[in-house]
Amino acid sequence: MVGAAEETPAQPPRTRRRRPSILAITGLLLIAIGLGSLGWMGYQYFGTNAPAQEAAKTEISQLQDQWNNGSGIEVPAPSATASSTPGATSTATATKGPAYTQAQLDKAMAILTIPRFGADYKVPILVGTSDYALSHGVGWYENTQLPGQIGNFAIAGHRITHGQPFARLLELKPGDKVIIETKTYIFTYQVDESPAQLTVQDVDTWVLDPVPGKTGVKPTQALITLTTCQDLFHSPDRSVGFGHLVDTTKK
């Protein structure tokens, strides 16, 4: 009707917004933490490998250049009376390795090859077992003997992440060869006990003794110990393999 007052449309009832419950907030936080953890794990397991493998190649190239130029870390000549026969006795004494300076820590000292892992397998061995050393190759335990010397030459490497140089270490079998090339010599060790057969805790330092498992016993031959993580995820378990020197060749 003309002139009639316009009717005001009815307003819809206001709806109250529910505040997220504590349970919902907790669930969202857990999802965010889970996604973050997966991202971090993905980076650790995949993102660290390519850079570490390139770093290892660079270490080998630089080390070989140093050797060609007559420089680089010098590893002493092998013990003249070192026995390469398991269980054999010797009158040799374990020669103590040189005291490395701070400048020499984390520097490549030798090259590791393992024929079972293929012709392309070549990894630098660095002085020490710092995070840096283990992300550029494998590390030499400084409190153990040098390659070719009477006593225990021990090295460590990642089984996964950071180039995973020891990814296949548990495949080693008795009789397999482990070859260490230094500036002047090539030392060939033979595996006696597979890493797949022995698991220890990370605090079991007896594996690094001059004669592993025989604390205080005087060594009579040149030995090698290889250590890596036993599990694919972080744990204190370590897989350990042992071997002895069978051949020394001067370059």
C-alpha atoms as a PDB file:
ATOM      1  CA  MET A   1       0.000   0.000   0.000  1.00  0.00           C
ATOM      2  CA  VAL A   2       1.276   3.440  -0.935  1.00  0.00           C
ATOM      3  CA  GLY A   3       2.500   5.345   2.048  1.00  0.00           C
ATOM      4  CA  ALA A   4       2.673   2.278   4.264  1.00  0.00           C
ATOM      5  CA  ALA A   5       5.744   1.882   6.455  1.00  0.00           C
ATOM      6  CA  GLU A   6       8.331  -0.473   5.057  1.00  0.00           C
ATOM      7  CA  GLU A   7       8.688  -3.655   6.999  1.00  0.00           C
ATOM      8  CA  THR A   8      12.095  -4.326   8.482  1.00  0.00           C
ATOM      9  CA  PRO A   9      13.270  -7.775   7.463  1.00  0.00           C
ATOM     10  CA  ALA A  10      13.817 -10.153  10.295  1.00  0.00           C
ATOM     11  CA  GLN A  11      17.457 -10.506  11.327  1.00  0.00           C
ATOM     12  CA  PRO A  12      18.827 -14.051  11.398  1.00  0.00           C
ATOM     13  CA  PRO A  13      19.743 -15.231  14.837  1.00  0.00           C
ATOM     14  CA  ARG A  14      23.358 -14.670  15.693  1.00  0.00           C
ATOM     15  CA  THR A  15      25.470 -17.811  15.884  1.00  0.00           C
ATOM     16  CA  ARG A  16      28.151 -18.021  18.468  1.00  0.00           C
ATOM     17  CA  ARG A  17      31.534 -19.146  17.210  1.00  0.00           C
ATOM     18  CA  ARG A  18      32.904 -22.022  19.138  1.00  0.00           C
ATOM     19  CA  ARG A  19      36.361 -21.597  20.476  1.00  0.00           C
ATOM     20  CA  PRO A  20      38.717 -24.442  19.567  1.00  0.00           C
ATOM     21  CA  SER A  21      38.831 -26.959  22.331  1.00  0.00           C
ATOM     22  CA  ILE A  22      42.063 -27.786  24.123  1.00  0.00           C
ATOM     23  CA  LEU A  23      41.896 -31.215  22.512  1.00  0.00           C
ATOM     24  CA  ALA A  24      41.707 -29.708  19.008  1.00  0.00           C
ATOM     25  CA  ILE A  25      44.603 -27.334  19.698  1.00  0.00           C
ATOM     26  CA  THR A  26      46.666 -30.189  21.071  1.00  0.00           C
ATOM     27  CA  GLY A  27      45.904 -32.272  17.984  1.00  0.00           C
ATOM     28  CA  LEU A  28      46.981 -29.462  15.637  1.00  0.00           C
ATOM     29  CA  LEU A  29      50.193 -28.971  17.592  1.00  0.00           C
ATOM     30  CA  LEU A  30      50.947 -32.672  17.415  1.00  0.00           C
ATOM     31  CA  ILE A  31      50.350 -32.691  13.652  1.00  0.00           C
ATOM     32  CA  ALA A  32      52.672 -29.692  13.230  1.00  0.00           C
ATOM     33  CA  ILE A  33      55.349 -31.350  15.362  1.00  0.00           C
ATOM     34  CA  GLY A  34      54.949 -34.587  13.422  1.00  0.00           C
ATOM     35  CA  LEU A  35      55.295 -32.839  10.058  1.00  0.00           C
ATOM     36  CA  GLY A  36      58.328 -30.947  11.322  1.00  0.00           C
ATOM     37  CA  SER A  37      59.911 -34.150  12.567  1.00  0.00           C
ATOM     38  CA  LEU A  38      59.262 -35.881   9.260  1.00  0.00           C
ATOM     39  CA  GLY A  39      60.839 -32.960   7.434  1.00  0.00           C
ATOM     40  CA  TRP A  40      63.901 -33.045   9.682  1.00  0.00           C
ATOM     41  CA  MET A  41      64.234 -36.802   9.305  1.00  0.00           C
ATOM     42  CA  GLY A  42      63.845 -36.510   5.555  1.00  0.00           C
ATOM     43  CA  TYR A  43      66.637 -33.964   5.454  1.00  0.00           C
ATOM     44  CA  GLN A  44      68.874 -36.099   7.665  1.00  0.00           C
ATOM     45  CA  TYR A  45      68.296 -39.278   5.694  1.00  0.00           C
ATOM     46  CA  PHE A  46      68.316 -37.783   2.206  1.00  0.00           C
ATOM     47  CA  GLY A  47      69.418 -34.158   2.226  1.00  0.00           C
ATOM     48  CA  THR A  48      72.798 -34.736   3.874  1.00  0.00           C
ATOM     49  CA  ASN A  49      74.007 -37.485   1.540  1.00  0.00           C
ATOM     50  CA  ALA A  50      74.674 -35.657  -1.732  1.00  0.00           C
ATOM     51  CA  PRO A  51      76.659 -32.784  -0.146  1.00  0.00           C
ATOM     52  CA  ALA A  52      78.675 -35.240   1.968  1.00  0.00           C
ATOM     53  CA  GLN A  53      79.481 -37.429  -1.025  1.00  0.00           C
ATOM     54  CA  GLU A  54      80.680 -34.392  -2.991  1.00  0.00           C
ATOM     55  CA  ALA A  55      82.759 -33.307   0.011  1.00  0.00           C
ATOM     56  CA  ALA A  56      84.359 -36.764   0.159  1.00  0.00           C
ATOM     57  CA  LYS A  57      85.307 -36.573  -3.525  1.00  0.00           C
ATOM     58  CA  THR A  58      86.880 -33.172  -2.928  1.00  0.00           C
ATOM     59  CA  GLU A  59      88.857 -34.516   0.049  1.00  0.00           C
ATOM     60  CA  ILE A  60      90.250 -37.366  -2.071  1.00  0.00           C
ATOM     61  CA  SER A  61      91.152 -35.035  -4.944  1.00  0.00           C
ATOM     62  CA  GLN A  62      92.931 -32.616  -2.629  1.00  0.00           C
ATOM     63  CA  LEU A  63      94.755 -35.427  -0.834  1.00  0.00           C
ATOM     64  CA  GLN A  64      95.993 -36.935  -4.085  1.00  0.00           C
ATOM     65  CA  ASP A  65      97.176 -33.492  -5.220  1.00  0.00           C
ATOM     66  CA  GLN A  66      99.101 -33.131  -1.950  1.00  0.00           C
ATOM     67  CA  TRP A  67     100.728 -36.524  -2.424  1.00  0.00           C
ATOM     68  CA  ASN A  68     101.724 -35.634  -5.977  1.00  0.00           C
ATOM     69  CA  ASN A  69     103.270 -32.409  -4.687  1.00  0.00           C
ATOM     70  CA  GLY A  70     105.160 -34.214  -1.941  1.00  0.00           C
ATOM     71  CA  SER A  71     103.035 -32.803   0.887  1.00  0.00           C
ATOM     72  CA  GLY A  72     100.176 -34.165   2.966  1.00  0.00           C
ATOM     73  CA  ILE A  73     100.092 -36.022   6.275  1.00  0.00           C
ATOM     74  CA  GLU A  74     102.896 -38.559   6.464  1.00  0.00           C
ATOM     75  CA  VAL A  75     102.046 -41.982   7.896  1.00  0.00           C
ATOM     76  CA  PRO A  76     105.129 -43.781   9.310  1.00  0.00           C
ATOM     77  CA  ALA A  77     106.609 -46.823   7.603  1.00  0.00           C
ATOM     78  CA  PRO A  78     105.015 -50.113   8.715  1.00  0.00           C
ATOM     79  CA  SER A  79     106.510 -52.035  11.595  1.00  0.00           C
ATOM     80  CA  ALA A  80     109.247 -54.178  10.063  1.00  0.00           C
ATOM     81  CA  THR A  81     108.450 -57.178  12.231  1.00  0.00           C
ATOM     82  CA  ALA A  82     104.692 -56.935  12.088  1.00  0.00           C
ATOM     83  CA  SER A  83     103.127 -60.343  11.582  1.00  0.00           C
ATOM     84  CA  SER A  84     100.293 -60.798   9.092  1.00  0.00           C
ATOM     85  CA  THR A  85      99.381 -64.245  10.366  1.00  0.00           C
ATOM     86  CA  PRO A  86      96.494 -64.451  12.861  1.00  0.00           C
ATOM     87  CA  GLY A  87      97.685 -65.645  16.236  1.00  0.00           C
ATOM     88  CA  ALA A  88     101.362 -65.378  15.333  1.00  0.00           C
ATOM     89  CA  THR A  89     103.757 -63.903  17.846  1.00  0.00           C
ATOM     90  CA  SER A  90     106.151 -61.059  17.234  1.00  0.00           C
ATOM     91  CA  THR A  91     108.895 -59.235  19.084  1.00  0.00           C
ATOM     92  CA  ALA A  92     107.635 -55.927  17.711  1.00  0.00           C
ATOM     93  CA  THR A  93     106.213 -53.275  19.976  1.00  0.00           C
ATOM     94  CA  ALA A  94     103.338 -51.002  19.125  1.00  0.00           C
ATOM     95  CA  THR A  95     104.765 -47.742  17.871  1.00  0.00           C
ATOM     96  CA  LYS A  96     102.861 -44.749  19.099  1.00  0.00           C
ATOM     97  CA  GLY A  97     101.431 -42.595  16.348  1.00  0.00           C
ATOM     98  CA  PRO A  98     102.460 -38.964  15.981  1.00  0.00           C
ATOM     99  CA  ALA A  99     100.692 -36.298  17.971  1.00  0.00           C
ATOM    100  CA  TYR A 100      98.549 -34.479  15.455  1.00  0.00           C
ATOM    101  CA  THR A 101      98.282 -30.737  15.732  1.00  0.00           C
ATOM    102  CA  GLN A 102      94.978 -28.900  15.820  1.00  0.00           C
ATOM    103  CA  ALA A 103      95.594 -27.869  12.217  1.00  0.00           C
ATOM    104  CA  GLN A 104      95.830 -31.515  11.147  1.00  0.00           C
ATOM    105  CA  LEU A 105      92.576 -32.600  12.786  1.00  0.00           C
ATOM    106  CA  ASP A 106      89.755 -33.168  10.294  1.00  0.00           C
ATOM    107  CA  LYS A 107      92.279 -33.427   7.455  1.00  0.00           C
ATOM    108  CA  ALA A 108      92.397 -36.413   5.088  1.00  0.00           C
ATOM    109  CA  MET A 109      95.253 -38.824   5.830  1.00  0.00           C
ATOM    110  CA  ALA A 110      94.473 -41.904   3.697  1.00  0.00           C
ATOM    111  CA  ILE A 111      92.034 -43.412   1.218  1.00  0.00           C
ATOM    112  CA  LEU A 112      89.837 -46.438   1.945  1.00  0.00           C
ATOM    113  CA  THR A 113      88.723 -48.920  -0.708  1.00  0.00           C
ATOM    114  CA  ILE A 114      86.751 -52.128  -0.177  1.00  0.00           C
ATOM    115  CA  PRO A 115      86.578 -54.416  -3.252  1.00  0.00           C
ATOM    116  CA  ARG A 116      83.290 -56.030  -2.139  1.00  0.00           C
ATOM    117  CA  PHE A 117      81.602 -52.643  -2.467  1.00  0.00           C
ATOM    118  CA  GLY A 118      82.619 -52.210  -6.106  1.00  0.00           C
ATOM    119  CA  ALA A 119      85.388 -50.618  -8.145  1.00  0.00           C
ATOM    120  CA  ASP A 120      83.984 -47.106  -7.607  1.00  0.00           C
ATOM    121  CA  TYR A 121      84.020 -47.320  -3.809  1.00  0.00           C
ATOM    122  CA  LYS A 122      86.638 -44.887  -2.548  1.00  0.00           C
ATOM    123  CA  VAL A 123      86.366 -42.915   0.707  1.00  0.00           C
ATOM    124  CA  PRO A 124      88.779 -40.522   2.444  1.00  0.00           C
ATOM    125  CA  ILE A 125      89.941 -41.270   5.979  1.00  0.00           C
ATOM    126  CA  LEU A 126      90.196 -38.122   8.077  1.00  0.00           C
ATOM    127  CA  VAL A 127      92.071 -37.486  11.308  1.00  0.00           C
ATOM    128  CA  GLY A 128      89.627 -37.706  14.217  1.00  0.00           C
ATOM    129  CA  THR A 129      85.963 -38.608  14.551  1.00  0.00           C
ATOM    130  CA  SER A 130      84.368 -35.165  14.784  1.00  0.00           C
ATOM    131  CA  ASP A 131      81.062 -34.373  13.110  1.00  0.00           C
ATOM    132  CA  TYR A 132      83.034 -32.656  10.356  1.00  0.00           C
ATOM    133  CA  ALA A 133      85.254 -35.678   9.742  1.00  0.00           C
ATOM    134  CA  LEU A 134      82.304 -38.068   9.664  1.00  0.00           C
ATOM    135  CA  SER A 135      80.447 -35.865   7.182  1.00  0.00           C
ATOM    136  CA  HIS A 136      83.420 -35.823   4.774  1.00  0.00           C
ATOM    137  CA  GLY A 137      84.341 -39.506   4.816  1.00  0.00           C
ATOM    138  CA  VAL A 138      85.268 -41.892   7.629  1.00  0.00           C
ATOM    139  CA  GLY A 139      87.170 -40.929  10.752  1.00  0.00           C
ATOM    140  CA  TRP A 140      90.249 -42.427  12.390  1.00  0.00           C
ATOM    141  CA  TYR A 141      90.139 -42.857  16.167  1.00  0.00           C
ATOM    142  CA  GLU A 142      93.183 -40.832  17.260  1.00  0.00           C
ATOM    143  CA  ASN A 143      93.856 -42.995  20.305  1.00  0.00           C
ATOM    144  CA  THR A 144      94.367 -46.060  18.106  1.00  0.00           C
ATOM    145  CA  GLN A 145      97.273 -47.103  15.940  1.00  0.00           C
ATOM    146  CA  LEU A 146      98.163 -45.839  12.474  1.00  0.00           C
ATOM    147  CA  PRO A 147      97.708 -48.127   9.452  1.00  0.00           C
ATOM    148  CA  GLY A 148     100.402 -50.741   8.998  1.00  0.00           C
ATOM    149  CA  GLN A 149     101.650 -50.466  12.568  1.00  0.00           C
ATOM    150  CA  ILE A 150     101.556 -53.095  15.290  1.00  0.00           C
ATOM    151  CA  GLY A 151      98.336 -52.546  17.198  1.00  0.00           C
ATOM    152  CA  ASN A 152      94.762 -51.611  16.351  1.00  0.00           C
ATOM    153  CA  PHE A 153      93.971 -49.184  13.522  1.00  0.00           C
ATOM    154  CA  ALA A 154      90.305 -48.226  14.104  1.00  0.00           C
ATOM    155  CA  ILE A 155      87.956 -46.189  11.922  1.00  0.00           C
ATOM    156  CA  ALA A 156      84.305 -45.127  12.095  1.00  0.00           C
ATOM    157  CA  GLY A 157      81.747 -44.125   9.487  1.00  0.00           C
ATOM    158  CA  HIS A 158      78.047 -43.407   9.098  1.00  0.00           C
ATOM    159  CA  ARG A 159      75.832 -46.228   7.943  1.00  0.00           C
ATOM    160  CA  ILE A 160      73.104 -43.773   6.969  1.00  0.00           C
ATOM    161  CA  THR A 161      73.094 -39.975   6.410  1.00  0.00           C
ATOM    162  CA  HIS A 162      76.113 -37.757   5.736  1.00  0.00           C
ATOM    163  CA  GLY A 163      77.250 -39.711   2.693  1.00  0.00           C
ATOM    164  CA  GLN A 164      76.682 -43.074   4.446  1.00  0.00           C
ATOM    165  CA  PRO A 165      80.146 -44.462   3.541  1.00  0.00           C
ATOM    166  CA  PHE A 166      79.512 -47.555   5.659  1.00  0.00           C
ATOM    167  CA  ALA A 167      75.994 -48.208   4.331  1.00  0.00           C
ATOM    168  CA  ARG A 168      77.019 -51.734   3.290  1.00  0.00           C
ATOM    169  CA  LEU A 169      79.473 -52.474   6.077  1.00  0.00           C
ATOM    170  CA  LEU A 170      77.332 -55.281   7.486  1.00  0.00           C
ATOM    171  CA  GLU A 171      77.744 -57.118   4.161  1.00  0.00           C
ATOM    172  CA  LEU A 172      81.429 -57.735   4.827  1.00  0.00           C
ATOM    173  CA  LYS A 173      82.352 -61.377   5.322  1.00  0.00           C
ATOM    174  CA  PRO A 174      85.464 -63.097   6.694  1.00  0.00           C
ATOM    175  CA  GLY A 175      88.114 -63.082   4.002  1.00  0.00           C
ATOM    176  CA  ASP A 176      87.022 -59.789   2.418  1.00  0.00           C
ATOM    177  CA  LYS A 177      89.763 -57.231   1.854  1.00  0.00           C
ATOM    178  CA  VAL A 178      89.937 -53.707   3.254  1.00  0.00           C
ATOM    179  CA  ILE A 179      92.585 -51.549   1.576  1.00  0.00           C
ATOM    180  CA  ILE A 180      94.163 -48.439   3.087  1.00  0.00           C
ATOM    181  CA  GLU A 181      96.233 -46.216   0.799  1.00  0.00           C
ATOM    182  CA  THR A 182      98.564 -43.674   2.392  1.00  0.00           C
ATOM    183  CA  LYS A 183     101.066 -41.279   0.876  1.00  0.00           C
ATOM    184  CA  THR A 184     103.761 -43.969   0.642  1.00  0.00           C
ATOM    185  CA  TYR A 185     102.159 -47.370   1.239  1.00  0.00           C
ATOM    186  CA  ILE A 186      99.136 -49.508   0.425  1.00  0.00           C
ATOM    187  CA  PHE A 187      98.028 -51.719   3.316  1.00  0.00           C
ATOM    188  CA  THR A 188      95.687 -54.638   2.711  1.00  0.00           C
ATOM    189  CA  TYR A 189      93.735 -56.011   5.661  1.00  0.00           C
ATOM    190  CA  GLN A 190      91.574 -59.125   5.689  1.00  0.00           C
ATOM    191  CA  VAL A 191      88.284 -59.291   7.587  1.00  0.00           C
ATOM    192  CA  ASP A 192      88.268 -61.892  10.375  1.00  0.00           C
ATOM    193  CA  GLU A 193      84.917 -61.100  11.990  1.00  0.00           C
ATOM    194  CA  SER A 194      81.988 -59.570  10.115  1.00  0.00           C
ATOM    195  CA  PRO A 195      80.345 -56.416  11.541  1.00  0.00           C
ATOM    196  CA  ALA A 196      77.011 -58.225  11.169  1.00  0.00           C
ATOM    197  CA  GLN A 197      78.084 -60.667  13.875  1.00  0.00           C
ATOM    198  CA  LEU A 198      78.970 -58.230  16.658  1.00  0.00           C
ATOM    199  CA  THR A 199      76.895 -55.453  18.227  1.00  0.00           C
ATOM    200  CA  VAL A 200      78.183 -53.405  21.156  1.00  0.00           C
ATOM    201  CA  GLN A 201      77.139 -50.240  22.966  1.00  0.00           C
ATOM    202  CA  ASP A 202      78.770 -46.925  22.139  1.00  0.00           C
ATOM    203  CA  VAL A 203      80.449 -46.973  25.561  1.00  0.00           C
ATOM    204  CA  ASP A 204      82.156 -50.323  24.928  1.00  0.00           C
ATOM    205  CA  THR A 205      85.591 -48.898  24.171  1.00  0.00           C
ATOM    206  CA  TRP A 206      87.310 -52.277  24.478  1.00  0.00           C
ATOM    207  CA  VAL A 207      86.886 -52.631  20.704  1.00  0.00           C
ATOM    208  CA  LEU A 208      89.492 -49.864  20.362  1.00  0.00           C
ATOM    209  CA  ASP A 209      92.094 -51.539  22.590  1.00  0.00           C
ATOM    210  CA  PRO A 210      95.461 -52.449  20.985  1.00  0.00           C
ATOM    211  CA  VAL A 211      94.190 -56.041  21.144  1.00  0.00           C
ATOM    212  CA  PRO A 212      90.355 -55.770  21.087  1.00  0.00           C
ATOM    213  CA  GLY A 213      88.776 -57.598  23.983  1.00  0.00           C
ATOM    214  CA  LYS A 214      92.104 -58.166  25.733  1.00  0.00           C
ATOM    215  CA  THR A 215      92.734 -55.055  27.750  1.00  0.00           C
ATOM    216  CA  GLY A 216      96.348 -54.675  28.810  1.00  0.00           C
ATOM    217  CA  VAL A 217      97.654 -57.351  26.422  1.00  0.00           C
ATOM    218  CA  LYS A 218     100.620 -56.299  24.310  1.00  0.00           C
ATOM    219  CA  PRO A 219      99.763 -56.399  20.585  1.00  0.00           C
ATOM    220  CA  THR A 220     101.863 -58.554  18.276  1.00  0.00           C
ATOM    221  CA  GLN A 221     100.291 -57.826  14.884  1.00  0.00           C
ATOM    222  CA  ALA A 222      98.699 -55.076  12.844  1.00  0.00           C
ATOM    223  CA  LEU A 223      94.907 -55.119  13.228  1.00  0.00           C
ATOM    224  CA  ILE A 224      91.960 -53.121  11.924  1.00  0.00           C
ATOM    225  CA  THR A 225      88.611 -52.317  13.548  1.00  0.00           C
ATOM    226  CA  LEU A 226      85.636 -50.921  11.616  1.00  0.00           C
ATOM    227  CA  THR A 227      82.679 -49.407  13.473  1.00  0.00           C
ATOM    228  CA  THR A 228      79.294 -48.040  12.401  1.00  0.00           C
ATOM    229  CA  CYS A 229      75.732 -47.601  13.668  1.00  0.00           C
ATOM    230  CA  GLN A 230      73.905 -50.901  13.951  1.00  0.00           C
ATOM    231  CA  ASP A 231      70.416 -49.453  13.580  1.00  0.00           C
ATOM    232  CA  LEU A 232      68.917 -47.341  10.812  1.00  0.00           C
ATOM    233  CA  PHE A 233      67.639 -44.918  13.440  1.00  0.00           C
ATOM    234  CA  HIS A 234      69.723 -43.219  16.110  1.00  0.00           C
ATOM    235  CA  SER A 235      70.659 -45.610  18.905  1.00  0.00           C
ATOM    236  CA  PRO A 236      73.682 -46.479  21.066  1.00  0.00           C
ATOM    237  CA  ASP A 237      74.171 -49.796  19.229  1.00  0.00           C
ATOM    238  CA  ARG A 238      77.333 -50.152  17.157  1.00  0.00           C
ATOM    239  CA  SER A 239      78.276 -52.847  14.651  1.00  0.00           C
ATOM    240  CA  VAL A 240      81.953 -53.747  14.796  1.00  0.00           C
ATOM    241  CA  GLY A 241      84.175 -55.776  12.488  1.00  0.00           C
ATOM    242  CA  PHE A 242      87.783 -56.888  12.967  1.00  0.00           C
ATOM    243  CA  GLY A 243      90.593 -57.848  10.626  1.00  0.00           C
ATOM    244  CA  HIS A 244      94.366 -58.185  10.327  1.00  0.00           C
ATOM    245  CA  LEU A 245      97.066 -56.971   7.967  1.00  0.00           C
ATOM    246  CA  VAL A 246      97.942 -59.408   5.167  1.00  0.00           C
ATOM    247  CA  ASP A 247      99.957 -57.317   2.726  1.00  0.00           C
ATOM    248  CA  THR A 248     102.015 -54.136   2.557  1.00  0.00           C
ATOM    249  CA  THR A 249     103.063 -52.582  -0.739  1.00  0.00           C
ATOM    250  CA  LYS A 250     105.280 -49.547  -1.132  1.00  0.00           C
ATOM    251  CA  LYS A 251     103.971 -47.132  -3.785  1.00  0.00           C
END
